[in-house]
Amino acid sequence: MTHKTIPVQHEHAHDHEHEGGRLCMSRRQFLLSGGSAVALISLGVFPGTTEAAQALKATYPRQKIASLSGLKTGVPVEFNYPYEDIRNILVKLGVPAGGGAGREQDIVAFNQQCTHQGGPLDGTFKPQHQVLGPCPLHLTTFDLTRHGMVASGHATESLPQIVLEIQGDDIYAVGVMGLVYGYSAMTSKRSA
């Protein structure tokens, strides 16, 4: 029986510069460079990235959906936008929210169809937690303070957020960020 000796390198014995003729990167270097790239892209440093981010938002004709004076914290207002069969809610959360409008950045609007399988979220707003849900199909719940992202459940996509503009006392819906369940595209032409 012959014995082979296998050379062992200690972690601090090599500096990740070259290994077998290839340039190598440590896990830490990889994560830091990836994080830096994501940060630069989100800041719009690279040409074309701002346009790509804007492509995620479909614009539609302005539609008045409520008035500031009529809003009460924690009481949702239902409206249809951009089509008559797409149900949404507008709510003043009382805490700042991602994409929020108004002086306190706490007025948001979201579609009321679960992004997992289109389950109805009508009447499921929980003001004490600022969430919409759970969906009756698979119990997905969405956090309205964080752009409608999934808080729990099977969905993998955030709720489509309605883009709001405020002019005086009037609140207008002007676009949709995201894809409403059951629509192949959120464009200005109907594509259901």
Protein backbone atom coordinates (compact mmCIF):
# COMPACT_ATOMS: atom_id res chain seq x y z
CA MET A 1 0.00 0.00 0.00
CA THR A 2 1.38 3.38 -0.99
CA HIS A 3 0.68 6.62 0.80
CA LYS A 4 0.19 9.89 -1.02
CA THR A 5 0.80 13.21 0.57
CA ILE A 6 -1.72 15.93 -0.20
CA PRO A 7 -0.40 19.46 0.23
CA VAL A 8 -2.67 21.61 2.40
CA GLN A 9 -2.76 25.37 2.06
CA HIS A 10 -3.74 27.49 4.99
CA GLU A 11 -6.24 30.25 4.33
CA HIS A 12 -3.72 32.96 5.11
CA ALA A 13 -1.00 31.17 3.14
CA HIS A 14 -2.19 32.47 -0.21
CA ASP A 15 -3.62 35.82 -1.05
CA HIS A 16 -6.24 34.83 -3.68
CA GLU A 17 -4.24 36.50 -6.45
CA HIS A 18 -3.54 33.57 -8.71
CA GLU A 19 -4.46 29.96 -8.32
CA GLY A 20 -3.59 27.59 -11.12
CA GLY A 21 -3.04 30.46 -13.54
CA ARG A 22 -6.51 31.95 -12.93
CA LEU A 23 -7.36 35.15 -11.18
CA CYS A 24 -9.35 34.22 -8.06
CA MET A 25 -11.59 36.23 -5.81
CA SER A 26 -12.49 35.48 -2.23
CA ARG A 27 -16.11 35.12 -1.20
CA ARG A 28 -15.88 38.43 0.66
CA GLN A 29 -14.47 40.21 -2.41
CA PHE A 30 -17.20 38.72 -4.58
CA LEU A 31 -19.99 39.85 -2.24
CA LEU A 32 -18.53 43.34 -1.83
CA SER A 33 -18.11 43.85 -5.58
CA GLY A 34 -21.61 42.52 -6.27
CA GLY A 35 -23.10 44.79 -3.62
CA SER A 36 -21.21 47.77 -5.03
CA ALA A 37 -22.50 47.05 -8.53
CA VAL A 38 -26.10 46.83 -7.31
CA ALA A 39 -25.69 50.14 -5.43
CA LEU A 40 -24.27 51.87 -8.51
CA ILE A 41 -27.03 50.54 -10.75
CA SER A 42 -29.74 51.65 -8.32
CA LEU A 43 -28.21 55.13 -8.25
CA GLY A 44 -28.40 55.32 -12.04
CA VAL A 45 -24.64 55.71 -12.49
CA PHE A 46 -24.55 53.48 -15.58
CA PRO A 47 -26.13 54.75 -18.81
CA GLY A 48 -29.54 53.20 -19.52
CA THR A 49 -30.28 51.99 -15.99
CA THR A 50 -32.61 54.91 -15.22
CA GLU A 51 -34.60 54.15 -18.36
CA ALA A 52 -34.79 50.46 -17.38
CA ALA A 53 -36.16 51.36 -13.95
CA GLN A 54 -38.76 53.64 -15.53
CA ALA A 55 -39.86 50.76 -17.80
CA LEU A 56 -41.23 48.99 -14.70
CA LYS A 57 -43.87 51.72 -14.38
CA ALA A 58 -46.72 51.98 -16.87
CA THR A 59 -48.34 55.39 -17.17
CA TYR A 60 -52.04 55.92 -17.76
CA PRO A 61 -54.29 58.96 -17.96
CA ARG A 62 -54.61 60.82 -14.66
CA GLN A 63 -57.68 59.80 -12.72
CA LYS A 64 -58.92 61.54 -9.57
CA ILE A 65 -59.47 58.86 -6.94
CA ALA A 66 -59.98 60.76 -3.65
CA SER A 67 -59.39 63.97 -1.74
CA LEU A 68 -56.96 64.58 1.10
CA SER A 69 -59.67 66.10 3.28
CA GLY A 70 -61.76 62.93 2.96
CA LEU A 71 -59.02 60.52 4.07
CA LYS A 72 -58.94 59.07 7.57
CA THR A 73 -55.87 57.23 8.88
CA GLY A 74 -56.34 53.47 8.61
CA VAL A 75 -59.59 53.67 6.60
CA PRO A 76 -59.12 52.40 3.01
CA VAL A 77 -60.83 53.95 -0.01
CA GLU A 78 -61.59 51.55 -2.88
CA PHE A 79 -61.24 52.61 -6.53
CA ASN A 80 -60.81 51.06 -9.99
CA TYR A 81 -57.74 51.94 -12.05
CA PRO A 82 -56.47 51.82 -14.79
CA TYR A 83 -59.36 49.68 -16.05
CA GLU A 84 -62.87 49.33 -14.68
CA ASP A 85 -62.28 45.71 -13.55
CA ILE A 86 -59.02 46.32 -11.65
CA ARG A 87 -59.75 46.88 -7.94
CA ASN A 88 -57.39 48.90 -5.76
CA ILE A 89 -57.27 50.56 -2.35
CA LEU A 90 -55.94 53.92 -1.28
CA VAL A 91 -55.02 54.27 2.39
CA LYS A 92 -53.42 56.81 4.70
CA LEU A 93 -51.23 54.59 6.89
CA GLY A 94 -50.14 57.12 9.51
CA VAL A 95 -46.46 56.10 9.09
CA PRO A 96 -44.07 56.87 6.21
CA ALA A 97 -44.22 54.25 3.46
CA GLY A 98 -42.22 53.32 0.37
CA GLY A 99 -43.67 55.25 -2.56
CA GLY A 100 -45.90 57.19 -0.17
CA ALA A 101 -47.43 60.52 -1.17
CA GLY A 102 -48.50 63.52 0.87
CA ARG A 103 -46.77 65.65 3.49
CA GLU A 104 -45.98 62.63 5.71
CA GLN A 105 -45.30 60.26 2.76
CA ASP A 106 -47.95 57.91 4.24
CA ILE A 107 -50.61 57.78 1.52
CA VAL A 108 -50.31 54.68 -0.67
CA ALA A 109 -52.42 52.74 -3.16
CA PHE A 110 -52.19 49.10 -4.19
CA ASN A 111 -53.95 46.56 -6.37
CA GLN A 112 -56.20 44.13 -4.46
CA GLN A 113 -55.36 40.90 -6.27
CA CYS A 114 -52.77 38.52 -4.86
CA THR A 115 -49.76 38.19 -7.16
CA HIS A 116 -49.52 34.43 -6.52
CA GLN A 117 -52.77 33.16 -8.07
CA GLY A 118 -54.99 36.22 -8.24
CA GLY A 119 -56.89 35.67 -4.99
CA PRO A 120 -59.09 38.59 -3.91
CA LEU A 121 -57.66 40.79 -1.15
CA ASP A 122 -60.76 42.99 -0.86
CA GLY A 123 -61.58 43.78 2.77
CA THR A 124 -58.38 42.28 4.20
CA PHE A 125 -56.55 45.51 5.17
CA LYS A 126 -55.22 45.34 8.74
CA PRO A 127 -54.57 48.94 9.94
CA GLN A 128 -52.80 47.86 13.13
CA HIS A 129 -50.08 46.16 11.04
CA GLN A 130 -50.35 48.16 7.75
CA VAL A 131 -50.72 44.94 5.75
CA LEU A 132 -53.11 43.65 3.10
CA GLY A 133 -54.09 40.01 3.50
CA PRO A 134 -53.99 37.20 4.13
CA CYS A 135 -55.09 36.00 0.71
CA PRO A 136 -57.89 33.42 1.03
CA LEU A 137 -56.10 31.00 -1.34
CA HIS A 138 -52.67 30.54 0.23
CA LEU A 139 -52.49 33.11 3.05
CA THR A 140 -50.05 35.58 1.47
CA THR A 141 -49.86 38.91 3.30
CA PHE A 142 -48.34 42.10 1.86
CA ASP A 143 -46.58 44.93 3.76
CA LEU A 144 -47.97 48.27 2.52
CA THR A 145 -45.22 50.29 4.20
CA ARG A 146 -42.57 48.55 2.07
CA HIS A 147 -43.89 48.89 -1.50
CA GLY A 148 -46.36 46.03 -1.01
CA MET A 149 -43.67 43.39 -0.59
CA VAL A 150 -44.56 39.91 0.59
CA ALA A 151 -44.59 39.65 4.39
CA SER A 152 -45.57 35.97 4.43
CA GLY A 153 -47.12 33.34 2.18
CA HIS A 154 -46.59 31.80 -1.25
CA ALA A 155 -46.41 34.91 -3.46
CA THR A 156 -42.98 35.91 -4.74
CA GLU A 157 -43.90 39.29 -6.23
CA SER A 158 -44.89 42.50 -4.46
CA LEU A 159 -48.36 43.93 -5.00
CA PRO A 160 -48.60 46.35 -7.93
CA GLN A 161 -48.38 49.85 -6.45
CA ILE A 162 -50.47 52.66 -7.92
CA VAL A 163 -48.40 55.78 -8.55
CA LEU A 164 -50.02 58.80 -6.89
CA GLU A 165 -49.86 62.56 -7.45
CA ILE A 166 -51.37 65.15 -5.15
CA GLN A 167 -52.53 68.52 -6.43
CA GLY A 168 -54.13 70.74 -3.82
CA ASP A 169 -56.75 68.58 -2.08
CA ASP A 170 -57.05 66.10 -4.98
CA ILE A 171 -55.33 62.72 -5.15
CA TYR A 172 -54.72 61.31 -8.63
CA ALA A 173 -53.67 57.86 -9.86
CA VAL A 174 -51.16 58.29 -12.71
CA GLY A 175 -49.51 54.90 -13.23
CA VAL A 176 -48.93 51.35 -12.06
CA MET A 177 -45.64 49.88 -10.83
CA GLY A 178 -45.76 46.16 -11.39
CA LEU A 179 -47.95 43.67 -13.20
CA VAL A 180 -51.54 43.06 -12.13
CA TYR A 181 -52.33 39.34 -11.92
CA GLY A 182 -54.05 38.12 -15.10
CA TYR A 183 -52.60 40.80 -17.39
CA SER A 184 -49.78 39.95 -19.76
CA ALA A 185 -48.54 43.54 -19.75
CA MET A 186 -49.46 46.77 -18.06
CA THR A 187 -49.39 49.04 -21.07
CA SER A 188 -51.66 51.84 -22.14
CA LYS A 189 -53.50 49.37 -24.39
CA ARG A 190 -55.65 46.78 -22.68
CA SER A 191 -54.06 43.35 -22.84
CA ALA A 192 -56.06 41.05 -20.56
